[in-house]
Structure formats: C-alpha cells, structure tokens
N, C-alpha and C. Protein backbone atom coordinates (compact mmCIF):
# COMPACT_ATOMS: atom_id res chain seq x y z
N MET A 1 -12.58 -53.85 60.25
CA MET A 1 -13.64 -54.11 59.31
C MET A 1 -13.26 -53.49 57.96
N PRO A 2 -13.38 -54.22 56.88
CA PRO A 2 -13.06 -53.68 55.55
C PRO A 2 -13.98 -52.50 55.19
N VAL A 3 -13.45 -51.58 54.42
CA VAL A 3 -14.20 -50.38 54.03
C VAL A 3 -15.49 -50.76 53.31
N ALA A 4 -15.45 -51.73 52.41
CA ALA A 4 -16.64 -52.12 51.68
C ALA A 4 -17.74 -52.59 52.63
N MET A 5 -17.37 -53.31 53.66
CA MET A 5 -18.34 -53.79 54.65
C MET A 5 -18.92 -52.60 55.43
N MET A 6 -18.05 -51.65 55.79
CA MET A 6 -18.53 -50.46 56.51
C MET A 6 -19.50 -49.66 55.64
N MET A 7 -19.15 -49.49 54.37
CA MET A 7 -20.01 -48.75 53.45
C MET A 7 -21.38 -49.40 53.32
N ASN A 8 -21.39 -50.72 53.24
CA ASN A 8 -22.65 -51.45 53.14
C ASN A 8 -23.51 -51.22 54.38
N GLU A 9 -22.87 -51.22 55.53
CA GLU A 9 -23.57 -51.00 56.79
C GLU A 9 -24.10 -49.57 56.90
N VAL A 10 -23.27 -48.61 56.55
CA VAL A 10 -23.62 -47.20 56.69
C VAL A 10 -24.79 -46.81 55.79
N GLN A 11 -24.94 -47.46 54.66
CA GLN A 11 -26.03 -47.13 53.75
C GLN A 11 -27.39 -47.30 54.41
N ASN A 12 -27.48 -48.09 55.46
CA ASN A 12 -28.74 -48.31 56.15
C ASN A 12 -29.01 -47.28 57.24
N TYR A 13 -28.04 -46.43 57.55
CA TYR A 13 -28.20 -45.43 58.59
C TYR A 13 -29.10 -44.30 58.09
N PRO A 14 -29.79 -43.62 59.00
CA PRO A 14 -30.55 -42.42 58.61
C PRO A 14 -29.60 -41.34 58.09
N VAL A 15 -30.12 -40.45 57.28
CA VAL A 15 -29.30 -39.42 56.65
C VAL A 15 -28.53 -38.60 57.67
N ASP A 16 -29.18 -38.17 58.75
CA ASP A 16 -28.48 -37.33 59.73
C ASP A 16 -27.31 -38.06 60.37
N GLU A 17 -27.43 -39.37 60.55
CA GLU A 17 -26.32 -40.13 61.12
C GLU A 17 -25.19 -40.30 60.10
N ARG A 18 -25.55 -40.45 58.82
CA ARG A 18 -24.51 -40.55 57.78
C ARG A 18 -23.76 -39.24 57.64
N VAL A 19 -24.49 -38.13 57.77
CA VAL A 19 -23.85 -36.81 57.70
C VAL A 19 -22.88 -36.66 58.87
N ALA A 20 -23.32 -37.03 60.06
CA ALA A 20 -22.46 -36.93 61.24
C ALA A 20 -21.22 -37.81 61.08
N LEU A 21 -21.40 -39.00 60.55
CA LEU A 21 -20.28 -39.91 60.34
C LEU A 21 -19.31 -39.35 59.30
N ALA A 22 -19.86 -38.83 58.20
CA ALA A 22 -19.01 -38.25 57.15
C ALA A 22 -18.21 -37.08 57.71
N ASP A 23 -18.87 -36.24 58.52
CA ASP A 23 -18.17 -35.11 59.12
C ASP A 23 -17.05 -35.59 60.04
N ALA A 24 -17.33 -36.62 60.83
CA ALA A 24 -16.32 -37.15 61.75
C ALA A 24 -15.12 -37.70 60.97
N VAL A 25 -15.37 -38.39 59.87
CA VAL A 25 -14.28 -38.94 59.05
C VAL A 25 -13.47 -37.80 58.44
N LEU A 26 -14.16 -36.79 57.92
CA LEU A 26 -13.45 -35.65 57.32
C LEU A 26 -12.62 -34.90 58.36
N GLN A 27 -13.10 -34.84 59.59
CA GLN A 27 -12.34 -34.18 60.65
C GLN A 27 -11.01 -34.88 60.90
N THR A 28 -10.95 -36.19 60.66
CA THR A 28 -9.69 -36.90 60.86
C THR A 28 -8.68 -36.54 59.78
N LEU A 29 -9.17 -36.11 58.62
CA LEU A 29 -8.29 -35.73 57.52
C LEU A 29 -7.82 -34.28 57.65
N ASN A 30 -8.69 -33.44 58.17
CA ASN A 30 -8.40 -32.02 58.27
C ASN A 30 -8.98 -31.52 59.60
N PRO A 31 -8.29 -31.77 60.70
CA PRO A 31 -8.82 -31.40 62.01
C PRO A 31 -9.13 -29.90 62.12
N VAL A 32 -10.20 -29.60 62.83
CA VAL A 32 -10.60 -28.22 63.02
C VAL A 32 -9.69 -27.57 64.05
N ASP A 33 -9.21 -26.39 63.72
CA ASP A 33 -8.43 -25.59 64.65
C ASP A 33 -9.45 -24.83 65.50
N ALA A 34 -9.48 -25.09 66.80
CA ALA A 34 -10.48 -24.50 67.69
C ALA A 34 -10.44 -22.98 67.65
N ASP A 35 -9.24 -22.40 67.54
CA ASP A 35 -9.12 -20.94 67.49
C ASP A 35 -9.76 -20.39 66.22
N VAL A 36 -9.50 -21.04 65.10
CA VAL A 36 -10.07 -20.61 63.82
C VAL A 36 -11.59 -20.77 63.85
N GLN A 37 -12.07 -21.88 64.38
CA GLN A 37 -13.50 -22.12 64.46
C GLN A 37 -14.18 -21.04 65.32
N GLU A 38 -13.56 -20.67 66.42
CA GLU A 38 -14.10 -19.63 67.29
C GLU A 38 -14.16 -18.29 66.58
N LYS A 39 -13.12 -17.98 65.79
CA LYS A 39 -13.11 -16.72 65.03
C LYS A 39 -14.21 -16.70 63.98
N TRP A 40 -14.41 -17.82 63.27
CA TRP A 40 -15.48 -17.89 62.27
C TRP A 40 -16.85 -17.76 62.94
N LEU A 41 -17.02 -18.36 64.09
CA LEU A 41 -18.28 -18.26 64.82
C LEU A 41 -18.54 -16.80 65.20
N HIS A 42 -17.51 -16.10 65.63
CA HIS A 42 -17.64 -14.68 65.97
C HIS A 42 -18.07 -13.87 64.74
N VAL A 43 -17.45 -14.13 63.60
CA VAL A 43 -17.80 -13.42 62.37
C VAL A 43 -19.24 -13.72 61.98
N ALA A 44 -19.64 -14.98 62.06
CA ALA A 44 -21.00 -15.36 61.69
C ALA A 44 -22.03 -14.68 62.58
N LYS A 45 -21.77 -14.63 63.88
CA LYS A 45 -22.71 -13.97 64.80
C LYS A 45 -22.77 -12.47 64.53
N ARG A 46 -21.62 -11.87 64.26
CA ARG A 46 -21.60 -10.43 63.95
C ARG A 46 -22.40 -10.13 62.69
N ARG A 47 -22.20 -10.96 61.65
CA ARG A 47 -22.92 -10.78 60.39
C ARG A 47 -24.43 -10.97 60.60
N ARG A 48 -24.79 -11.98 61.38
CA ARG A 48 -26.21 -12.21 61.69
C ARG A 48 -26.80 -10.98 62.36
N ASP A 49 -26.10 -10.44 63.35
CA ASP A 49 -26.58 -9.27 64.07
C ASP A 49 -26.71 -8.06 63.14
N GLU A 50 -25.76 -7.89 62.22
CA GLU A 50 -25.83 -6.77 61.26
C GLU A 50 -27.05 -6.89 60.37
N ILE A 51 -27.35 -8.10 59.93
CA ILE A 51 -28.51 -8.31 59.06
C ILE A 51 -29.80 -8.11 59.84
N LEU A 52 -29.89 -8.68 61.04
CA LEU A 52 -31.10 -8.54 61.85
C LEU A 52 -31.37 -7.09 62.25
N SER A 53 -30.31 -6.31 62.46
CA SER A 53 -30.48 -4.91 62.86
C SER A 53 -30.79 -4.01 61.67
N GLY A 54 -30.59 -4.52 60.45
CA GLY A 54 -30.81 -3.71 59.26
C GLY A 54 -29.58 -2.94 58.82
N ALA A 55 -28.47 -3.09 59.53
CA ALA A 55 -27.24 -2.40 59.16
C ALA A 55 -26.70 -2.91 57.82
N GLU A 56 -26.95 -4.16 57.52
CA GLU A 56 -26.55 -4.77 56.25
C GLU A 56 -27.76 -5.50 55.67
N ARG A 57 -27.78 -5.63 54.35
CA ARG A 57 -28.86 -6.39 53.73
C ARG A 57 -28.26 -7.61 53.03
N PRO A 58 -28.92 -8.75 53.18
CA PRO A 58 -28.41 -9.94 52.50
C PRO A 58 -28.59 -9.79 50.99
N ILE A 59 -27.66 -10.35 50.25
CA ILE A 59 -27.73 -10.31 48.79
C ILE A 59 -28.21 -11.68 48.32
N PRO A 60 -29.27 -11.72 47.50
CA PRO A 60 -29.77 -13.01 47.02
C PRO A 60 -28.69 -13.79 46.27
N THR A 61 -28.71 -15.10 46.46
CA THR A 61 -27.73 -15.97 45.81
C THR A 61 -27.69 -15.76 44.30
N SER A 62 -28.87 -15.63 43.68
CA SER A 62 -28.91 -15.46 42.23
C SER A 62 -28.16 -14.21 41.79
N GLU A 63 -28.25 -13.14 42.59
CA GLU A 63 -27.54 -11.91 42.27
C GLU A 63 -26.03 -12.09 42.42
N VAL A 64 -25.61 -12.76 43.47
CA VAL A 64 -24.17 -13.00 43.70
C VAL A 64 -23.60 -13.85 42.57
N LEU A 65 -24.31 -14.93 42.22
CA LEU A 65 -23.81 -15.81 41.16
C LEU A 65 -23.79 -15.12 39.81
N SER A 66 -24.80 -14.30 39.51
CA SER A 66 -24.81 -13.57 38.23
C SER A 66 -23.62 -12.62 38.14
N GLU A 67 -23.35 -11.92 39.24
CA GLU A 67 -22.22 -10.99 39.25
C GLU A 67 -20.90 -11.74 39.12
N ALA A 68 -20.77 -12.85 39.82
CA ALA A 68 -19.54 -13.64 39.75
C ALA A 68 -19.32 -14.17 38.34
N TYR A 69 -20.40 -14.64 37.71
CA TYR A 69 -20.28 -15.16 36.36
C TYR A 69 -19.88 -14.05 35.39
N ALA A 70 -20.50 -12.88 35.54
CA ALA A 70 -20.17 -11.75 34.67
C ALA A 70 -18.71 -11.36 34.83
N ARG A 71 -18.22 -11.33 36.06
CA ARG A 71 -16.81 -11.00 36.29
C ARG A 71 -15.89 -12.05 35.69
N ALA A 72 -16.26 -13.31 35.82
CA ALA A 72 -15.43 -14.39 35.29
C ALA A 72 -15.34 -14.29 33.77
N ILE A 73 -16.46 -13.99 33.12
CA ILE A 73 -16.44 -13.85 31.66
C ILE A 73 -15.58 -12.66 31.26
N THR A 74 -15.71 -11.56 31.99
CA THR A 74 -14.91 -10.37 31.70
C THR A 74 -13.42 -10.66 31.80
N ARG A 75 -13.07 -11.50 32.75
CA ARG A 75 -11.66 -11.84 32.95
C ARG A 75 -11.24 -13.06 32.14
N SER A 76 -12.12 -13.53 31.27
CA SER A 76 -11.86 -14.68 30.40
C SER A 76 -11.60 -15.97 31.17
N CYS A 77 -12.17 -16.08 32.36
CA CYS A 77 -12.04 -17.32 33.12
C CYS A 77 -13.01 -18.38 32.61
N ILE A 78 -14.14 -17.92 32.09
CA ILE A 78 -15.16 -18.83 31.58
C ILE A 78 -15.43 -18.44 30.14
N PRO A 79 -15.36 -19.39 29.22
CA PRO A 79 -15.64 -19.04 27.83
C PRO A 79 -17.09 -18.61 27.66
N SER A 80 -17.32 -17.56 26.91
CA SER A 80 -18.69 -17.10 26.68
C SER A 80 -19.38 -18.08 25.74
N ALA A 81 -20.70 -18.07 25.78
CA ALA A 81 -21.49 -18.98 24.96
C ALA A 81 -21.21 -18.74 23.49
N SER A 82 -21.03 -17.49 23.10
CA SER A 82 -20.81 -17.18 21.68
C SER A 82 -19.50 -17.77 21.18
N ARG A 83 -18.56 -17.97 22.08
CA ARG A 83 -17.27 -18.54 21.66
C ARG A 83 -17.28 -20.04 21.67
N THR A 84 -18.26 -20.66 22.37
CA THR A 84 -18.23 -22.11 22.48
C THR A 84 -19.36 -22.79 21.72
N ILE A 85 -20.53 -22.17 21.70
CA ILE A 85 -21.67 -22.81 21.03
C ILE A 85 -21.53 -22.63 19.53
N GLY A 86 -21.56 -23.71 18.82
CA GLY A 86 -21.48 -23.68 17.39
C GLY A 86 -20.10 -23.37 16.84
N ALA A 87 -19.13 -23.29 17.71
CA ALA A 87 -17.77 -22.99 17.25
C ALA A 87 -17.21 -24.20 16.54
N THR A 88 -16.47 -23.94 15.54
CA THR A 88 -15.79 -25.03 14.84
C THR A 88 -14.31 -24.89 15.05
N GLY A 89 -13.65 -25.97 15.12
CA GLY A 89 -12.24 -25.85 15.40
C GLY A 89 -11.48 -26.75 14.63
C-alpha cells in the first residue's frame, strides 16, 4: 500500500491508536535494546521511590528551564535579548 494511502487511512484512527502505530514505526528505525530499557525502568522506579519517600524532592519544570536558560546565556549558547532585540547589523 502506498504511504499516501496509509496516511489517509491512519488519519481516521483514534489518537491512542495513532500513537501506538507511530511508536511501532519508530521502533523499526531504532529498535529498543531490552537491557537498556530494563536499566531505565530500574532508574525510574528508584527515582519514584525516592520522591515518594521524601528522600528527594521533585524540581518544578519552570525552575529547571529557568536555570538551564540562565546557564545557556552565561555560556553564550543563546543570544541574550539585549543583543538581539533592536540590534542593527
């Protein structure tokens, strides 16, 4: 079946089925290594347990992104607004 025909058909699927299909297609491009997946699952469960026990506290996304942005500007990875807004070149 041509890709265009498949795409037309898939557009009518429910979102969860399209997500499952997209995941299956991506798996053919980059197959999951079962050992790596098991290790990540172990890390995720450990982190969950640390948070639930109070041993660690989750950091809000806004705080993480603000810190990352500040670090990027400090390292000149992202041009600051003062250097880009209204700049003439």
